[in-house]
Amino acid sequence: MQNLHNFVSDYTQDKKYLHLAIGMIRGDDIKYFSFSNDKKKSIVPVENRLFEIGSITKVFTSILLLAMEEENLLSSDDMVGKFLPNVKNDYLNRITLKNLATHTSGLPILATNHNMAKKRADPYSMYTEEDLTAFLATADFTDGIDSFGYSNLAVGLLGNILCKVSGRTYDELLKRYITEPLNMKETAVMLNSEQDSRFLNGHASTGRRVPHWNLSIHEGAGGIKSSIRDMSLLVQANLNDDHPIASILAKSHLPNTIGNANLYFGWAGDNIQDKEVLWHNGGSAGFNSYLAFNKELRVGVVLLSNYSFFSNVLIDHYVAQLKKWITRKEPVQAIMIDSVGIEILEAMLSSE
């Protein structure tokens, strides 16, 4: 795509340390593109640089649920309370693992006893399993069951349950069911020392460097790090039916009627140019990500950025206002990578 720069120019401006990696997938073909404003040129090829993918992790957790269900280790219709024997709460016997995967459990985006201000730079790291148990012991969101309400807590809890049922760590589950079958060698929650050397620094929307996040017990909701190569392989696998986990991915493409909505395991559904598109995005304090695909035409796109679309601390706001006062220009902060990804996918669909 010769005019790719035109699609990304608004997003890339005013981002001093930006690394933006793009994967464009057409059937069996993958092309990688890179845009960088960082004067320290990386010797690491674009396809091997590592990013936090944030909430795209939820897609992986839902695929793990379907894979374990295929092996009869559990059922997506099992009640959550079945896996929390030490928590006596009837509400947990009214919601299923499917409810957790489709954001229809009624659970809020975060537990009410999760104080993110306790450690702003790494707000999930301080929340323990004991904290989660204490919250679940008295939780009652019955009125929200079967209604969509996006929840990091719900999918984090799902990941936690999958680990307990299998007796494996989350990374071990990823390797067994997804990354090894698809030859995704760079996708994990915990990186080794060599991978860590290729893990980019993340930046808030104003350019301030921020620490990497440790999702702790919420790892199933947003803890994965990956590369544009691996994420493009994931999209490609969703477009093809000749790989080891095709049947599991196919199940994730089927909508489930829950309440008044058709919802997917992990994915969000949309319609672009009258074509069905499955997608997900992700954001942490220092990274932003987006992927989407249309299986009918076998096209998809992935974008990974080491800039966040939001400011996670108040000081960023004041820095932005100071920059505006000095330059007399509005800082380009709030452009989400999703809009860039959608434009690129629209162009790809039009060309097919």
Protein backbone atom coordinates (compact mmCIF):
# COMPACT_ATOMS: atom_id res chain seq x y z
CA MET A 1 0.00 0.00 0.00
CA GLN A 2 1.94 3.00 -1.32
CA ASN A 3 0.02 5.64 0.60
CA LEU A 4 0.30 3.94 4.01
CA HIS A 5 2.13 7.01 5.34
CA ASN A 6 -0.99 9.08 4.70
CA PHE A 7 -2.99 6.84 7.01
CA VAL A 8 -0.54 7.12 9.93
CA SER A 9 0.75 10.71 9.63
CA ASP A 10 -1.72 12.23 12.10
CA TYR A 11 -1.00 9.48 14.61
CA THR A 12 2.80 9.64 14.33
CA GLN A 13 3.26 13.39 14.67
CA ASP A 14 4.41 14.82 18.00
CA LYS A 15 5.43 11.37 19.30
CA LYS A 16 9.19 11.74 19.83
CA TYR A 17 9.96 8.15 20.86
CA LEU A 18 7.36 6.39 18.74
CA HIS A 19 7.71 2.88 17.39
CA LEU A 20 4.67 1.91 15.34
CA ALA A 21 4.64 -1.57 13.81
CA ILE A 22 2.01 -2.62 11.27
CA GLY A 23 1.25 -6.06 9.90
CA MET A 24 -0.95 -6.39 6.82
CA ILE A 25 -2.23 -9.89 6.14
CA ARG A 26 -3.72 -11.15 2.88
CA GLY A 27 -4.27 -14.89 2.95
CA ASP A 28 -0.86 -16.55 3.09
CA ASP A 29 1.02 -13.26 2.65
CA ILE A 30 2.16 -10.98 5.50
CA LYS A 31 3.89 -7.62 5.01
CA TYR A 32 5.44 -5.61 7.86
CA PHE A 33 5.81 -1.84 8.05
CA SER A 34 7.48 0.37 10.62
CA PHE A 35 7.25 4.06 11.50
CA SER A 36 9.59 5.52 14.08
CA ASN A 37 10.42 8.99 15.38
CA ASP A 38 13.04 7.68 17.82
CA LYS A 39 16.48 9.09 16.98
CA LYS A 40 18.03 6.04 18.62
CA LYS A 41 17.57 3.70 15.70
CA SER A 42 16.81 0.16 16.76
CA ILE A 43 18.91 -2.65 15.33
CA VAL A 44 16.08 -5.06 16.10
CA PRO A 45 13.96 -5.84 13.00
CA VAL A 46 10.46 -4.42 13.20
CA GLU A 47 8.88 -7.89 13.29
CA ASN A 48 10.85 -8.84 16.44
CA ARG A 49 10.29 -5.77 18.64
CA LEU A 50 8.11 -6.54 21.64
CA PHE A 51 5.11 -4.54 22.84
CA GLU A 52 2.48 -4.84 25.55
CA ILE A 53 -0.73 -5.82 23.75
CA GLY A 54 -3.04 -4.95 26.67
CA SER A 55 -6.60 -6.16 26.36
CA ILE A 56 -6.01 -8.15 23.17
CA THR A 57 -4.89 -10.67 25.80
CA LYS A 58 -8.60 -11.28 26.39
CA VAL A 59 -8.84 -12.93 22.98
CA PHE A 60 -6.15 -15.41 24.03
CA THR A 61 -7.90 -16.17 27.32
CA SER A 62 -11.17 -16.89 25.53
CA ILE A 63 -9.38 -19.17 23.05
CA LEU A 64 -7.82 -21.01 26.01
CA LEU A 65 -11.29 -21.54 27.47
CA LEU A 66 -12.51 -23.04 24.20
CA ALA A 67 -9.40 -25.23 23.89
CA MET A 68 -9.80 -26.61 27.41
CA GLU A 69 -13.50 -27.16 26.78
CA GLU A 70 -12.62 -29.18 23.67
CA GLU A 71 -10.52 -31.44 25.92
CA ASN A 72 -13.45 -31.78 28.35
CA LEU A 73 -11.48 -30.17 31.18
CA LEU A 74 -14.42 -27.87 31.82
CA SER A 75 -17.46 -26.39 30.10
CA SER A 76 -18.10 -22.78 29.24
CA ASP A 77 -21.52 -23.33 30.80
CA ASP A 78 -20.00 -24.27 34.17
CA MET A 79 -20.88 -21.93 37.01
CA VAL A 80 -18.06 -19.78 38.33
CA GLY A 81 -18.80 -20.88 41.89
CA LYS A 82 -17.78 -24.44 40.96
CA PHE A 83 -14.16 -23.29 40.71
CA LEU A 84 -14.15 -21.15 43.86
CA PRO A 85 -15.02 -23.67 46.59
CA ASN A 86 -13.66 -21.44 49.34
CA VAL A 87 -15.97 -18.57 48.41
CA LYS A 88 -19.55 -19.08 49.54
CA ASN A 89 -21.62 -16.67 47.47
CA ASP A 90 -24.77 -17.66 45.57
CA TYR A 91 -24.18 -14.95 42.96
CA LEU A 92 -21.18 -16.94 41.72
CA ASN A 93 -23.52 -19.87 41.08
CA ARG A 94 -25.61 -17.72 38.75
CA ILE A 95 -22.80 -16.74 36.34
CA THR A 96 -20.94 -19.01 33.95
CA LEU A 97 -17.47 -19.06 32.43
CA LYS A 98 -19.19 -17.98 29.20
CA ASN A 99 -20.50 -14.92 31.04
CA LEU A 100 -16.94 -14.05 32.05
CA ALA A 101 -15.62 -14.46 28.48
CA THR A 102 -18.40 -12.40 26.91
CA HIS A 103 -18.52 -9.61 29.54
CA THR A 104 -22.05 -10.51 30.61
CA SER A 105 -21.44 -11.54 34.22
CA GLY A 106 -22.44 -8.21 35.72
CA LEU A 107 -18.99 -7.86 37.29
CA PRO A 108 -17.65 -4.29 37.13
CA ILE A 109 -14.59 -3.30 35.12
CA LEU A 110 -12.54 -3.54 38.33
CA ALA A 111 -13.27 -4.86 41.81
CA THR A 112 -14.57 -2.22 44.18
CA ASN A 113 -11.69 -2.92 46.59
CA HIS A 114 -9.08 -2.37 43.85
CA ASN A 115 -7.51 1.00 44.61
CA MET A 116 -5.56 1.92 41.48
CA ALA A 117 -4.27 5.08 43.12
CA LYS A 118 -2.30 2.90 45.53
CA LYS A 119 0.40 2.51 42.90
CA ARG A 120 -0.39 4.65 39.89
CA ALA A 121 2.68 3.61 37.89
CA ASP A 122 1.75 -0.09 38.08
CA PRO A 123 -1.86 -0.20 39.28
CA TYR A 124 -2.56 -3.93 38.92
CA SER A 125 0.58 -5.25 40.60
CA MET A 126 -0.63 -4.57 44.15
CA TYR A 127 -3.92 -6.45 43.81
CA THR A 128 -3.61 -9.93 45.28
CA GLU A 129 -5.60 -13.15 45.15
CA GLU A 130 -6.58 -12.49 48.76
CA ASP A 131 -8.02 -9.13 47.69
CA LEU A 132 -9.97 -10.83 44.90
CA THR A 133 -11.33 -13.51 47.24
CA ALA A 134 -12.45 -10.87 49.72
CA PHE A 135 -14.28 -9.00 46.96
CA LEU A 136 -15.96 -12.10 45.52
CA ALA A 137 -17.16 -13.21 48.96
CA THR A 138 -19.73 -10.43 49.06
CA ALA A 139 -20.11 -9.49 45.38
CA ASP A 140 -23.63 -9.39 44.01
CA PHE A 141 -24.18 -8.02 40.52
CA THR A 142 -27.15 -10.22 39.70
CA ASP A 143 -29.00 -7.36 37.99
CA GLY A 144 -26.25 -7.16 35.37
CA ILE A 145 -26.21 -10.83 34.37
CA ASP A 146 -26.65 -11.35 30.61
CA SER A 147 -26.16 -7.64 29.91
CA PHE A 148 -22.91 -6.51 28.29
CA GLY A 149 -20.54 -4.65 30.59
CA TYR A 150 -16.84 -4.65 29.73
CA SER A 151 -14.87 -6.10 32.63
CA ASN A 152 -11.13 -6.53 33.13
CA LEU A 153 -12.03 -8.22 36.40
CA ALA A 154 -14.20 -10.87 34.73
CA VAL A 155 -11.62 -11.99 32.17
CA GLY A 156 -8.83 -11.77 34.75
CA LEU A 157 -10.89 -14.09 36.95
CA LEU A 158 -11.43 -16.41 33.97
CA GLY A 159 -7.69 -16.65 33.35
CA ASN A 160 -7.13 -17.37 37.01
CA ILE A 161 -9.71 -20.20 36.94
CA LEU A 162 -8.19 -21.75 33.80
CA CYS A 163 -4.81 -21.89 35.51
CA LYS A 164 -6.27 -23.54 38.61
CA VAL A 165 -8.20 -26.14 36.62
CA SER A 166 -5.21 -27.07 34.47
CA GLY A 167 -2.55 -26.84 37.17
CA ARG A 168 -0.50 -24.77 34.74
CA THR A 169 0.70 -21.19 34.64
CA TYR A 170 -0.91 -18.82 32.14
CA ASP A 171 2.25 -18.90 29.98
CA GLU A 172 2.21 -22.69 30.01
CA LEU A 173 -1.38 -22.64 28.78
CA LEU A 174 -0.48 -20.18 26.03
CA LYS A 175 2.38 -22.37 24.86
CA ARG A 176 0.35 -25.61 24.93
CA TYR A 177 -2.79 -24.42 23.19
CA ILE A 178 -1.88 -21.37 21.07
CA THR A 179 1.68 -20.15 20.66
CA GLU A 180 3.44 -23.46 20.01
CA PRO A 181 0.85 -24.76 17.51
CA LEU A 182 0.96 -21.42 15.64
CA ASN A 183 4.76 -20.99 15.87
CA MET A 184 4.35 -17.76 17.88
CA LYS A 185 7.69 -17.70 19.65
CA GLU A 186 7.54 -14.16 21.06
CA THR A 187 4.19 -14.17 22.87
CA ALA A 188 4.16 -14.50 26.67
CA VAL A 189 3.40 -12.75 29.92
CA MET A 190 6.86 -13.40 31.38
CA LEU A 191 9.74 -12.61 29.01
CA ASN A 192 13.19 -14.18 29.17
CA SER A 193 16.28 -11.96 29.36
CA GLU A 194 16.90 -12.02 25.59
CA GLN A 195 13.30 -11.08 24.84
CA ASP A 196 13.44 -8.38 27.49
CA SER A 197 16.26 -6.72 25.54
CA ARG A 198 13.81 -6.32 22.63
CA PHE A 199 10.93 -5.08 24.80
CA LEU A 200 10.27 -1.45 23.90
CA ASN A 201 9.85 1.31 26.46
CA GLY A 202 6.27 2.52 26.73
CA HIS A 203 5.23 6.17 26.69
CA ALA A 204 2.22 8.10 27.90
CA SER A 205 0.39 10.21 25.34
CA THR A 206 2.56 13.21 26.18
CA GLY A 207 5.79 11.31 25.55
CA ARG A 208 6.72 10.67 29.15
CA ARG A 209 8.26 7.22 29.62
CA VAL A 210 6.21 4.99 31.91
CA PRO A 211 7.05 1.67 33.59
CA HIS A 212 5.93 -1.62 32.14
CA TRP A 213 2.84 -3.00 33.82
CA ASN A 214 2.67 -6.17 35.88
CA LEU A 215 -0.91 -7.41 35.63
CA SER A 216 -0.44 -9.97 38.42
CA ILE A 217 -3.66 -11.98 38.87
CA HIS A 218 -5.27 -9.96 36.04
CA GLU A 219 -2.76 -11.40 33.54
CA GLY A 220 -5.55 -13.08 31.57
CA ALA A 221 -7.13 -9.67 30.97
CA GLY A 222 -4.08 -7.80 29.72
CA GLY A 223 -0.69 -9.26 30.60
CA ILE A 224 0.66 -10.53 27.26
CA LYS A 225 3.66 -9.09 25.43
CA SER A 226 4.11 -9.89 21.75
CA SER A 227 5.58 -8.87 18.39
CA ILE A 228 4.02 -7.77 15.12
CA ARG A 229 5.19 -11.07 13.61
CA ASP A 230 3.38 -13.18 16.19
CA MET A 231 0.22 -11.10 16.16
CA SER A 232 0.12 -11.25 12.38
CA LEU A 233 0.45 -15.03 12.60
CA LEU A 234 -2.55 -15.06 14.95
CA VAL A 235 -4.62 -13.06 12.48
CA GLN A 236 -3.48 -15.29 9.63
CA ALA A 237 -4.53 -18.38 11.61
CA ASN A 238 -8.00 -16.88 11.99
CA LEU A 239 -8.21 -16.53 8.20
CA ASN A 240 -7.22 -20.11 7.37
CA ASP A 241 -8.60 -23.56 8.18
CA ASP A 242 -5.45 -25.66 7.68
CA HIS A 243 -3.68 -25.36 11.02
CA PRO A 244 -3.77 -27.28 14.34
CA ILE A 245 -6.21 -25.03 16.23
CA ALA A 246 -8.54 -24.11 13.35
CA SER A 247 -11.57 -25.74 14.98
CA ILE A 248 -11.07 -23.79 18.20
CA LEU A 249 -10.65 -20.46 16.43
CA ALA A 250 -13.73 -21.21 14.33
CA LYS A 251 -15.76 -21.55 17.54
CA SER A 252 -14.55 -18.13 18.66
CA HIS A 253 -15.98 -16.68 15.42
CA LEU A 254 -19.51 -17.84 16.25
CA PRO A 255 -21.78 -15.32 17.95
CA ASN A 256 -23.58 -16.35 21.13
CA THR A 257 -27.04 -14.95 21.78
CA ILE A 258 -26.92 -13.65 25.35
CA GLY A 259 -29.72 -11.42 26.52
CA ASN A 260 -30.53 -9.15 23.59
CA ALA A 261 -27.10 -9.27 21.97
CA ASN A 262 -24.92 -11.54 19.85
CA LEU A 263 -21.53 -11.71 21.54
CA TYR A 264 -18.29 -13.54 20.82
CA PHE A 265 -15.75 -15.35 22.95
CA GLY A 266 -13.06 -12.69 23.21
CA TRP A 267 -13.76 -10.83 19.98
CA ALA A 268 -15.82 -7.76 19.27
CA GLY A 269 -17.85 -7.76 16.07
CA ASP A 270 -18.35 -4.93 13.60
CA ASN A 271 -19.46 -4.32 10.04
CA ILE A 272 -17.12 -2.48 7.69
CA GLN A 273 -18.09 -1.94 4.07
CA ASP A 274 -20.84 -4.52 4.53
CA LYS A 275 -18.26 -7.10 5.60
CA GLU A 276 -18.22 -8.85 8.97
CA VAL A 277 -15.11 -7.89 10.91
CA LEU A 278 -13.87 -9.35 14.18
CA TRP A 279 -11.49 -7.16 16.16
CA HIS A 280 -10.01 -6.22 19.52
CA ASN A 281 -7.86 -3.41 20.82
CA GLY A 282 -5.63 -2.90 23.82
CA GLY A 283 -4.18 -0.10 25.89
CA SER A 284 -1.93 0.20 28.90
CA ALA A 285 -0.13 3.19 30.37
CA GLY A 286 2.50 3.04 27.63
CA PHE A 287 1.18 0.97 24.72
CA ASN A 288 -1.74 0.85 22.29
CA SER A 289 -2.72 -2.02 20.00
CA TYR A 290 -5.38 -3.00 17.48
CA LEU A 291 -6.13 -5.99 15.28
CA ALA A 292 -9.00 -6.83 12.97
CA PHE A 293 -9.82 -9.23 10.15
CA ASN A 294 -12.44 -10.30 7.67
CA LYS A 295 -12.39 -14.04 7.05
CA GLU A 296 -14.48 -13.95 3.87
CA LEU A 297 -11.86 -11.97 1.94
CA ARG A 298 -8.99 -13.33 4.09
CA VAL A 299 -7.58 -9.93 5.00
CA GLY A 300 -6.50 -8.50 8.35
CA VAL A 301 -4.38 -5.85 9.99
CA VAL A 302 -2.38 -5.47 13.22
CA LEU A 303 -1.00 -2.26 14.71
CA LEU A 304 1.27 -2.10 17.76
CA SER A 305 2.48 1.19 19.25
CA ASN A 306 4.65 2.09 22.23
CA TYR A 307 2.49 5.14 22.92
CA SER A 308 -0.64 5.09 25.03
CA PHE A 309 -3.85 6.82 23.98
CA PHE A 310 -4.44 8.09 27.50
CA SER A 311 -2.46 9.81 30.26
CA ASN A 312 -2.22 7.73 33.39
CA VAL A 313 -1.07 10.38 35.82
CA LEU A 314 -2.14 13.96 36.45
CA ILE A 315 1.33 15.37 35.69
CA ASP A 316 0.87 14.40 32.02
CA HIS A 317 -2.08 16.78 31.83
CA TYR A 318 0.00 19.69 33.11
CA VAL A 319 2.90 18.87 30.77
CA ALA A 320 0.46 18.88 27.86
CA GLN A 321 -0.99 22.21 28.88
CA LEU A 322 2.50 23.72 29.21
CA LYS A 323 3.41 22.46 25.73
CA LYS A 324 0.23 24.00 24.34
CA TRP A 325 1.05 27.34 25.95
CA ILE A 326 4.63 27.39 24.61
CA THR A 327 3.89 26.17 21.06
CA ARG A 328 0.39 27.61 20.70
CA LYS A 329 -0.58 24.23 19.28
CA GLU A 330 -2.86 21.52 20.50
CA PRO A 331 -0.74 18.45 21.31
CA VAL A 332 -1.74 15.37 19.30
CA GLN A 333 -2.50 13.00 22.16
CA ALA A 334 -5.90 11.44 21.94
CA ILE A 335 -5.79 9.80 18.51
CA MET A 336 -6.45 6.15 19.18
CA ILE A 337 -4.68 3.64 17.01
CA ASP A 338 -8.06 2.02 16.28
CA SER A 339 -9.03 4.76 13.84
CA VAL A 340 -5.80 4.23 11.89
CA GLY A 341 -6.34 0.47 11.82
CA ILE A 342 -9.92 0.82 10.61
CA GLU A 343 -8.86 3.11 7.74
CA ILE A 344 -6.16 0.67 6.66
CA LEU A 345 -8.56 -2.29 6.82
CA GLU A 346 -11.16 -0.35 4.82
CA ALA A 347 -8.57 0.27 2.10
CA MET A 348 -7.60 -3.41 2.11
CA LEU A 349 -11.23 -4.52 1.81
CA SER A 350 -11.79 -2.08 -1.07
CA SER A 351 -8.84 -3.42 -2.99
CA GLU A 352 -10.01 -7.04 -2.82
